[in-house]
Amino acid sequence: MGTNALQSALPAWCALFGRRFESPLLWQSIIMIITMLLMLKLCTEVRVSNELNIKRRSFAAADSKDEEIKAPPKRSYSDFDLNYFWHWSKFTDYVQCVLTFTGVTGYITYLCLDSSLFVETLGFLAVFTEAMLGVPQLYRNYRNRSTEGMSVKMVLMWTSGDTFKTVYFILNQAPFQFSICGLLQVFVDIAILLQVYLYSSYPQKPMSHPVHPASAKAL
């Protein structure tokens, strides 16, 4: 969900060039981007350190050689594997993707500054995407009938932050889409907290761990 927050913050930041909102919204986007990048770096390092598969994936191309070979693999943007999008092995690949997305979005926004429809649509998509950040966690809890592995404290912080933010939007008469998406985000947070309460009366479903054929060799 952290990665989804990063993707939603970027167009929100770009949309400010078309219609200047209040400064707190800009600083919120900047802080969110920095925080999500730090979390993304940590998650990438942990996943790669626990991954037994020696084949590495990148934003520019899919590695075709093993790690044991010292020579760096030849990469081409035409080798980009869409099946592994946003599931790469190095943090630098995510940074490249973010910079590419920012550059393309910023350039298109610059060309369409005179179109109020484009600017309003971009802003709405940004806040709507942010409002839907909790939906994947909500669906996963529903599918597993469990909230194991989920931090309740984190969800409580989400709920409190989203509530304060929505109240801020309403009191300061922010654009209508901000208040609507803020309320939607609060409802999703409350739904996740209700799942914690409902599933607490059932035995927690154990998380399945895939067995890798190479695990015996690794030991």
C-alpha atoms as a PDB file:
ATOM      1  CA  MET A   1       0.000   0.000   0.000  1.00  0.00           C
ATOM      2  CA  GLY A   2       2.968   2.200   0.558  1.00  0.00           C
ATOM      3  CA  THR A   3       3.843   1.959  -3.115  1.00  0.00           C
ATOM      4  CA  ASN A   4       0.332   2.981  -4.109  1.00  0.00           C
ATOM      5  CA  ALA A   5       0.638   6.111  -1.881  1.00  0.00           C
ATOM      6  CA  LEU A   6       3.763   7.102  -3.734  1.00  0.00           C
ATOM      7  CA  GLN A   7       2.049   6.773  -7.107  1.00  0.00           C
ATOM      8  CA  SER A   8      -0.908   8.899  -5.942  1.00  0.00           C
ATOM      9  CA  ALA A   9       1.254  11.618  -4.417  1.00  0.00           C
ATOM     10  CA  LEU A  10       3.198  12.264  -7.616  1.00  0.00           C
ATOM     11  CA  PRO A  11       0.271  13.371  -9.825  1.00  0.00           C
ATOM     12  CA  ALA A  12      -1.085  15.396  -6.915  1.00  0.00           C
ATOM     13  CA  TRP A  13       2.222  17.258  -6.783  1.00  0.00           C
ATOM     14  CA  CYS A  14       2.194  17.803 -10.554  1.00  0.00           C
ATOM     15  CA  ALA A  15      -1.406  19.047 -10.476  1.00  0.00           C
ATOM     16  CA  LEU A  16      -0.399  21.924  -8.231  1.00  0.00           C
ATOM     17  CA  PHE A  17       1.255  23.599 -11.209  1.00  0.00           C
ATOM     18  CA  GLY A  18      -2.107  23.779 -12.960  1.00  0.00           C
ATOM     19  CA  ARG A  19      -4.146  24.916  -9.987  1.00  0.00           C
ATOM     20  CA  ARG A  20      -2.346  26.102  -6.887  1.00  0.00           C
ATOM     21  CA  PHE A  21      -3.894  24.620  -3.763  1.00  0.00           C
ATOM     22  CA  GLU A  22      -2.851  25.485  -0.214  1.00  0.00           C
ATOM     23  CA  SER A  23       0.754  24.968   0.865  1.00  0.00           C
ATOM     24  CA  PRO A  24      -0.046  22.175   3.409  1.00  0.00           C
ATOM     25  CA  LEU A  25      -1.227  19.977   0.517  1.00  0.00           C
ATOM     26  CA  LEU A  26       2.090  20.480  -1.269  1.00  0.00           C
ATOM     27  CA  TRP A  27       4.139  19.692   1.833  1.00  0.00           C
ATOM     28  CA  GLN A  28       1.973  16.656   2.529  1.00  0.00           C
ATOM     29  CA  SER A  29       2.735  15.301  -0.938  1.00  0.00           C
ATOM     30  CA  ILE A  30       6.480  15.937  -0.590  1.00  0.00           C
ATOM     31  CA  ILE A  31       6.662  14.300   2.851  1.00  0.00           C
ATOM     32  CA  MET A  32       4.594  11.356   1.629  1.00  0.00           C
ATOM     33  CA  ILE A  33       6.862  10.799  -1.376  1.00  0.00           C
ATOM     34  CA  ILE A  34      10.011  10.841   0.783  1.00  0.00           C
ATOM     35  CA  THR A  35       8.452   8.518   3.384  1.00  0.00           C
ATOM     36  CA  MET A  36       7.188   6.056   0.787  1.00  0.00           C
ATOM     37  CA  LEU A  37      10.595   5.964  -0.916  1.00  0.00           C
ATOM     38  CA  LEU A  38      12.279   5.131   2.396  1.00  0.00           C
ATOM     39  CA  MET A  39       9.718   2.393   3.107  1.00  0.00           C
ATOM     40  CA  LEU A  40      10.112   1.082  -0.426  1.00  0.00           C
ATOM     41  CA  LYS A  41      13.876   0.889  -0.005  1.00  0.00           C
ATOM     42  CA  LEU A  42      13.512  -1.077   3.223  1.00  0.00           C
ATOM     43  CA  CYS A  43      10.913  -3.469   1.764  1.00  0.00           C
ATOM     44  CA  THR A  44      13.063  -4.103  -1.312  1.00  0.00           C
ATOM     45  CA  GLU A  45      16.123  -4.916   0.773  1.00  0.00           C
ATOM     46  CA  VAL A  46      14.182  -7.294   3.024  1.00  0.00           C
ATOM     47  CA  ARG A  47      12.480  -9.072   0.124  1.00  0.00           C
ATOM     48  CA  VAL A  48      15.686  -9.551  -1.854  1.00  0.00           C
ATOM     49  CA  SER A  49      17.596 -10.815   1.192  1.00  0.00           C
ATOM     50  CA  ASN A  50      14.920 -13.481   1.744  1.00  0.00           C
ATOM     51  CA  GLU A  51      14.551 -14.397  -1.913  1.00  0.00           C
ATOM     52  CA  LEU A  52      16.168 -17.655  -2.988  1.00  0.00           C
ATOM     53  CA  ASN A  53      15.550 -17.093  -6.669  1.00  0.00           C
ATOM     54  CA  ILE A  54      18.827 -15.861  -8.174  1.00  0.00           C
ATOM     55  CA  LYS A  55      17.149 -14.271 -11.173  1.00  0.00           C
ATOM     56  CA  ARG A  56      16.850 -10.526 -10.738  1.00  0.00           C
ATOM     57  CA  ARG A  57      14.295  -8.167 -12.222  1.00  0.00           C
ATOM     58  CA  SER A  58      14.806  -4.529 -13.119  1.00  0.00           C
ATOM     59  CA  PHE A  59      12.863  -1.576 -14.454  1.00  0.00           C
ATOM     60  CA  ALA A  60      14.994  -1.249 -17.584  1.00  0.00           C
ATOM     61  CA  ALA A  61      15.081  -4.953 -18.427  1.00  0.00           C
ATOM     62  CA  ALA A  62      14.871  -8.480 -17.062  1.00  0.00           C
ATOM     63  CA  ASP A  63      18.243  -9.904 -16.058  1.00  0.00           C
ATOM     64  CA  SER A  64      19.070 -12.938 -18.139  1.00  0.00           C
ATOM     65  CA  LYS A  65      22.140 -14.073 -16.227  1.00  0.00           C
ATOM     66  CA  ASP A  66      22.769 -15.405 -12.753  1.00  0.00           C
ATOM     67  CA  GLU A  67      24.361 -13.458  -9.938  1.00  0.00           C
ATOM     68  CA  GLU A  68      27.353 -15.760  -9.998  1.00  0.00           C
ATOM     69  CA  ILE A  69      28.489 -14.235 -13.287  1.00  0.00           C
ATOM     70  CA  LYS A  70      30.578 -11.171 -12.572  1.00  0.00           C
ATOM     71  CA  ALA A  71      29.976  -9.470 -15.915  1.00  0.00           C
ATOM     72  CA  PRO A  72      26.912  -7.205 -15.793  1.00  0.00           C
ATOM     73  CA  PRO A  73      24.064  -8.429 -18.013  1.00  0.00           C
ATOM     74  CA  LYS A  74      23.216  -6.513 -21.142  1.00  0.00           C
ATOM     75  CA  ARG A  75      19.984  -4.622 -20.714  1.00  0.00           C
ATOM     76  CA  SER A  76      17.631  -3.012 -23.135  1.00  0.00           C
ATOM     77  CA  TYR A  77      14.398  -1.116 -22.557  1.00  0.00           C
ATOM     78  CA  SER A  78      12.816  -3.382 -25.159  1.00  0.00           C
ATOM     79  CA  ASP A  79      13.355  -6.295 -22.736  1.00  0.00           C
ATOM     80  CA  PHE A  80      11.069  -4.737 -20.115  1.00  0.00           C
ATOM     81  CA  ASP A  81       8.923  -7.448 -18.512  1.00  0.00           C
ATOM     82  CA  LEU A  82       5.465  -6.102 -17.657  1.00  0.00           C
ATOM     83  CA  ASN A  83       4.711  -9.182 -15.533  1.00  0.00           C
ATOM     84  CA  TYR A  84       7.245  -7.983 -12.946  1.00  0.00           C
ATOM     85  CA  PHE A  85       6.228  -4.330 -12.925  1.00  0.00           C
ATOM     86  CA  TRP A  86       6.795  -2.783  -9.493  1.00  0.00           C
ATOM     87  CA  HIS A  87       8.351  -6.023  -8.283  1.00  0.00           C
ATOM     88  CA  TRP A  88      11.989  -5.328  -9.030  1.00  0.00           C
ATOM     89  CA  SER A  89      15.086  -6.377  -7.146  1.00  0.00           C
ATOM     90  CA  LYS A  90      16.850  -3.044  -6.662  1.00  0.00           C
ATOM     91  CA  PHE A  91      15.702   0.209  -5.146  1.00  0.00           C
ATOM     92  CA  THR A  92      17.378   2.156  -7.946  1.00  0.00           C
ATOM     93  CA  ASP A  93      14.907   0.626 -10.415  1.00  0.00           C
ATOM     94  CA  TYR A  94      12.006   2.107  -8.457  1.00  0.00           C
ATOM     95  CA  VAL A  95      13.742   5.486  -8.403  1.00  0.00           C
ATOM     96  CA  GLN A  96      14.193   5.313 -12.192  1.00  0.00           C
ATOM     97  CA  CYS A  97      10.513   4.499 -12.649  1.00  0.00           C
ATOM     98  CA  VAL A  98       9.426   7.332 -10.320  1.00  0.00           C
ATOM     99  CA  LEU A  99      11.663   9.841 -12.101  1.00  0.00           C
ATOM    100  CA  THR A 100      10.392   8.670 -15.494  1.00  0.00           C
ATOM    101  CA  PHE A 101       6.769   8.908 -14.374  1.00  0.00           C
ATOM    102  CA  THR A 102       7.365  12.357 -12.848  1.00  0.00           C
ATOM    103  CA  GLY A 103       9.062  13.623 -16.001  1.00  0.00           C
ATOM    104  CA  VAL A 104       6.353  12.339 -18.347  1.00  0.00           C
ATOM    105  CA  THR A 105       3.487  13.503 -16.131  1.00  0.00           C
ATOM    106  CA  GLY A 106       5.102  16.886 -15.553  1.00  0.00           C
ATOM    107  CA  TYR A 107       5.667  17.419 -19.271  1.00  0.00           C
ATOM    108  CA  ILE A 108       2.092  16.466 -20.181  1.00  0.00           C
ATOM    109  CA  THR A 109       0.789  18.714 -17.399  1.00  0.00           C
ATOM    110  CA  TYR A 110       2.898  21.594 -18.699  1.00  0.00           C
ATOM    111  CA  LEU A 111       1.430  21.145 -22.163  1.00  0.00           C
ATOM    112  CA  CYS A 112      -2.137  21.010 -20.808  1.00  0.00           C
ATOM    113  CA  LEU A 113      -1.947  23.841 -18.277  1.00  0.00           C
ATOM    114  CA  ASP A 114      -4.657  25.746 -20.126  1.00  0.00           C
ATOM    115  CA  SER A 115      -7.094  22.823 -19.927  1.00  0.00           C
ATOM    116  CA  SER A 116      -9.050  23.057 -16.694  1.00  0.00           C
ATOM    117  CA  LEU A 117     -10.625  19.668 -17.461  1.00  0.00           C
ATOM    118  CA  PHE A 118      -7.212  17.976 -17.572  1.00  0.00           C
ATOM    119  CA  VAL A 119      -5.995  19.652 -14.383  1.00  0.00           C
ATOM    120  CA  GLU A 120      -9.177  18.860 -12.467  1.00  0.00           C
ATOM    121  CA  THR A 121      -9.172  15.259 -13.721  1.00  0.00           C
ATOM    122  CA  LEU A 122      -5.530  14.774 -12.756  1.00  0.00           C
ATOM    123  CA  GLY A 123      -6.162  16.167  -9.298  1.00  0.00           C
ATOM    124  CA  PHE A 124      -9.244  14.011  -8.796  1.00  0.00           C
ATOM    125  CA  LEU A 125      -7.426  10.844  -9.893  1.00  0.00           C
ATOM    126  CA  ALA A 126      -4.639  11.646  -7.459  1.00  0.00           C
ATOM    127  CA  VAL A 127      -6.860  12.102  -4.392  1.00  0.00           C
ATOM    128  CA  PHE A 128      -9.108   9.193  -5.434  1.00  0.00           C
ATOM    129  CA  THR A 129      -6.123   6.846  -5.734  1.00  0.00           C
ATOM    130  CA  GLU A 130      -4.945   7.946  -2.314  1.00  0.00           C
ATOM    131  CA  ALA A 131      -8.438   7.346  -0.919  1.00  0.00           C
ATOM    132  CA  MET A 132      -8.341   3.755  -2.193  1.00  0.00           C
ATOM    133  CA  LEU A 133      -5.002   2.876  -0.582  1.00  0.00           C
ATOM    134  CA  GLY A 134      -6.611   0.735   2.104  1.00  0.00           C
ATOM    135  CA  VAL A 135      -8.768  -1.282  -0.304  1.00  0.00           C
ATOM    136  CA  PRO A 136      -6.076  -3.916  -1.132  1.00  0.00           C
ATOM    137  CA  GLN A 137      -5.572  -4.539   2.608  1.00  0.00           C
ATOM    138  CA  LEU A 138      -9.351  -4.658   3.098  1.00  0.00           C
ATOM    139  CA  TYR A 139      -9.713  -7.226   0.313  1.00  0.00           C
ATOM    140  CA  ARG A 140      -6.798  -9.314   1.549  1.00  0.00           C
ATOM    141  CA  ASN A 141      -8.251  -9.478   5.059  1.00  0.00           C
ATOM    142  CA  TYR A 142     -11.613 -10.510   3.604  1.00  0.00           C
ATOM    143  CA  ARG A 143     -10.050 -13.186   1.399  1.00  0.00           C
ATOM    144  CA  ASN A 144      -7.961 -14.675   4.231  1.00  0.00           C
ATOM    145  CA  ARG A 145     -10.651 -14.155   6.874  1.00  0.00           C
ATOM    146  CA  SER A 146      -7.791 -12.924   9.005  1.00  0.00           C
ATOM    147  CA  THR A 147      -5.888  -9.784   9.935  1.00  0.00           C
ATOM    148  CA  GLU A 148      -2.696 -11.620  10.856  1.00  0.00           C
ATOM    149  CA  GLY A 149       0.438  -9.692  10.014  1.00  0.00           C
ATOM    150  CA  MET A 150      -1.372  -6.356   9.905  1.00  0.00           C
ATOM    151  CA  SER A 151      -0.446  -3.620  12.346  1.00  0.00           C
ATOM    152  CA  VAL A 152      -3.549  -2.345  14.131  1.00  0.00           C
ATOM    153  CA  LYS A 153      -1.595   0.648  15.400  1.00  0.00           C
ATOM    154  CA  MET A 154      -0.775   1.576  11.819  1.00  0.00           C
ATOM    155  CA  VAL A 155      -4.458   1.443  10.834  1.00  0.00           C
ATOM    156  CA  LEU A 156      -5.357   3.578  13.868  1.00  0.00           C
ATOM    157  CA  MET A 157      -2.780   6.140  12.768  1.00  0.00           C
ATOM    158  CA  TRP A 158      -4.282   6.031   9.255  1.00  0.00           C
ATOM    159  CA  THR A 159      -7.754   6.623  10.634  1.00  0.00           C
ATOM    160  CA  SER A 160      -6.751   9.505  12.879  1.00  0.00           C
ATOM    161  CA  GLY A 161      -4.671  11.165  10.152  1.00  0.00           C
ATOM    162  CA  ASP A 162      -7.364  10.763   7.506  1.00  0.00           C
ATOM    163  CA  THR A 163     -10.003  12.088   9.903  1.00  0.00           C
ATOM    164  CA  PHE A 164      -8.007  15.215  10.738  1.00  0.00           C
ATOM    165  CA  LYS A 165      -7.217  15.733   7.064  1.00  0.00           C
ATOM    166  CA  THR A 166     -10.865  15.418   6.028  1.00  0.00           C
ATOM    167  CA  VAL A 167     -11.986  17.825   8.742  1.00  0.00           C
ATOM    168  CA  TYR A 168      -9.309  20.249   7.542  1.00  0.00           C
ATOM    169  CA  PHE A 169     -10.633  20.004   3.995  1.00  0.00           C
ATOM    170  CA  ILE A 170     -14.200  20.653   5.097  1.00  0.00           C
ATOM    171  CA  LEU A 171     -13.395  23.567   7.403  1.00  0.00           C
ATOM    172  CA  ASN A 172     -11.176  25.261   4.833  1.00  0.00           C
ATOM    173  CA  GLN A 173     -13.682  24.657   2.040  1.00  0.00           C
ATOM    174  CA  ALA A 174     -11.199  22.764  -0.103  1.00  0.00           C
ATOM    175  CA  PRO A 175     -12.310  21.602  -3.568  1.00  0.00           C
ATOM    176  CA  PHE A 176     -15.248  19.207  -3.401  1.00  0.00           C
ATOM    177  CA  GLN A 177     -13.262  16.150  -4.537  1.00  0.00           C
ATOM    178  CA  PHE A 178     -10.910  16.477  -1.553  1.00  0.00           C
ATOM    179  CA  SER A 179     -13.731  16.232   0.980  1.00  0.00           C
ATOM    180  CA  ILE A 180     -15.435  13.323  -0.814  1.00  0.00           C
ATOM    181  CA  CYS A 181     -12.251  11.289  -1.212  1.00  0.00           C
ATOM    182  CA  GLY A 182     -11.250  12.090   2.373  1.00  0.00           C
ATOM    183  CA  LEU A 183     -14.551  10.719   3.681  1.00  0.00           C
ATOM    184  CA  LEU A 184     -14.127   7.630   1.490  1.00  0.00           C
ATOM    185  CA  GLN A 185     -10.673   7.067   2.929  1.00  0.00           C
ATOM    186  CA  VAL A 186     -12.011   7.310   6.489  1.00  0.00           C
ATOM    187  CA  PHE A 187     -14.764   4.780   5.702  1.00  0.00           C
ATOM    188  CA  VAL A 188     -12.191   2.313   4.356  1.00  0.00           C
ATOM    189  CA  ASP A 189     -10.091   2.708   7.505  1.00  0.00           C
ATOM    190  CA  ILE A 190     -13.127   2.090   9.701  1.00  0.00           C
ATOM    191  CA  ALA A 191     -14.018  -0.994   7.642  1.00  0.00           C
ATOM    192  CA  ILE A 192     -10.523  -2.417   8.247  1.00  0.00           C
ATOM    193  CA  LEU A 193     -10.867  -1.784  11.980  1.00  0.00           C
ATOM    194  CA  LEU A 194     -14.218  -3.595  11.914  1.00  0.00           C
ATOM    195  CA  GLN A 195     -12.471  -6.548  10.279  1.00  0.00           C
ATOM    196  CA  VAL A 196      -9.997  -6.619  13.160  1.00  0.00           C
ATOM    197  CA  TYR A 197     -12.882  -6.796  15.613  1.00  0.00           C
ATOM    198  CA  LEU A 198     -14.860  -9.419  13.661  1.00  0.00           C
ATOM    199  CA  TYR A 199     -11.952 -11.731  12.820  1.00  0.00           C
ATOM    200  CA  SER A 200     -10.562 -11.575  16.363  1.00  0.00           C
ATOM    201  CA  SER A 201     -13.228 -14.086  17.435  1.00  0.00           C
ATOM    202  CA  TYR A 202     -11.928 -16.628  14.906  1.00  0.00           C
ATOM    203  CA  PRO A 203      -8.619 -18.502  14.938  1.00  0.00           C
ATOM    204  CA  GLN A 204      -6.083 -16.637  12.869  1.00  0.00           C
ATOM    205  CA  LYS A 205      -5.424 -18.284   9.525  1.00  0.00           C
ATOM    206  CA  PRO A 206      -1.747 -19.288   9.245  1.00  0.00           C
ATOM    207  CA  MET A 207       0.119 -17.595   6.431  1.00  0.00           C
ATOM    208  CA  SER A 208       1.247 -20.000   3.727  1.00  0.00           C
ATOM    209  CA  HIS A 209       4.941 -20.001   2.850  1.00  0.00           C
ATOM    210  CA  PRO A 210       5.909 -21.317  -0.588  1.00  0.00           C
ATOM    211  CA  VAL A 211       8.470 -24.097  -0.661  1.00  0.00           C
ATOM    212  CA  HIS A 212      11.348 -23.452  -3.013  1.00  0.00           C
ATOM    213  CA  PRO A 213      13.064 -26.425  -4.669  1.00  0.00           C
ATOM    214  CA  ALA A 214      16.428 -24.812  -4.010  1.00  0.00           C
ATOM    215  CA  SER A 215      15.805 -24.428  -0.273  1.00  0.00           C
ATOM    216  CA  ALA A 216      17.565 -27.704   0.537  1.00  0.00           C
ATOM    217  CA  LYS A 217      20.653 -26.623  -1.358  1.00  0.00           C
ATOM    218  CA  ALA A 218      20.605 -23.259   0.366  1.00  0.00           C
ATOM    219  CA  LEU A 219      20.722 -24.996   3.737  1.00  0.00           C
END
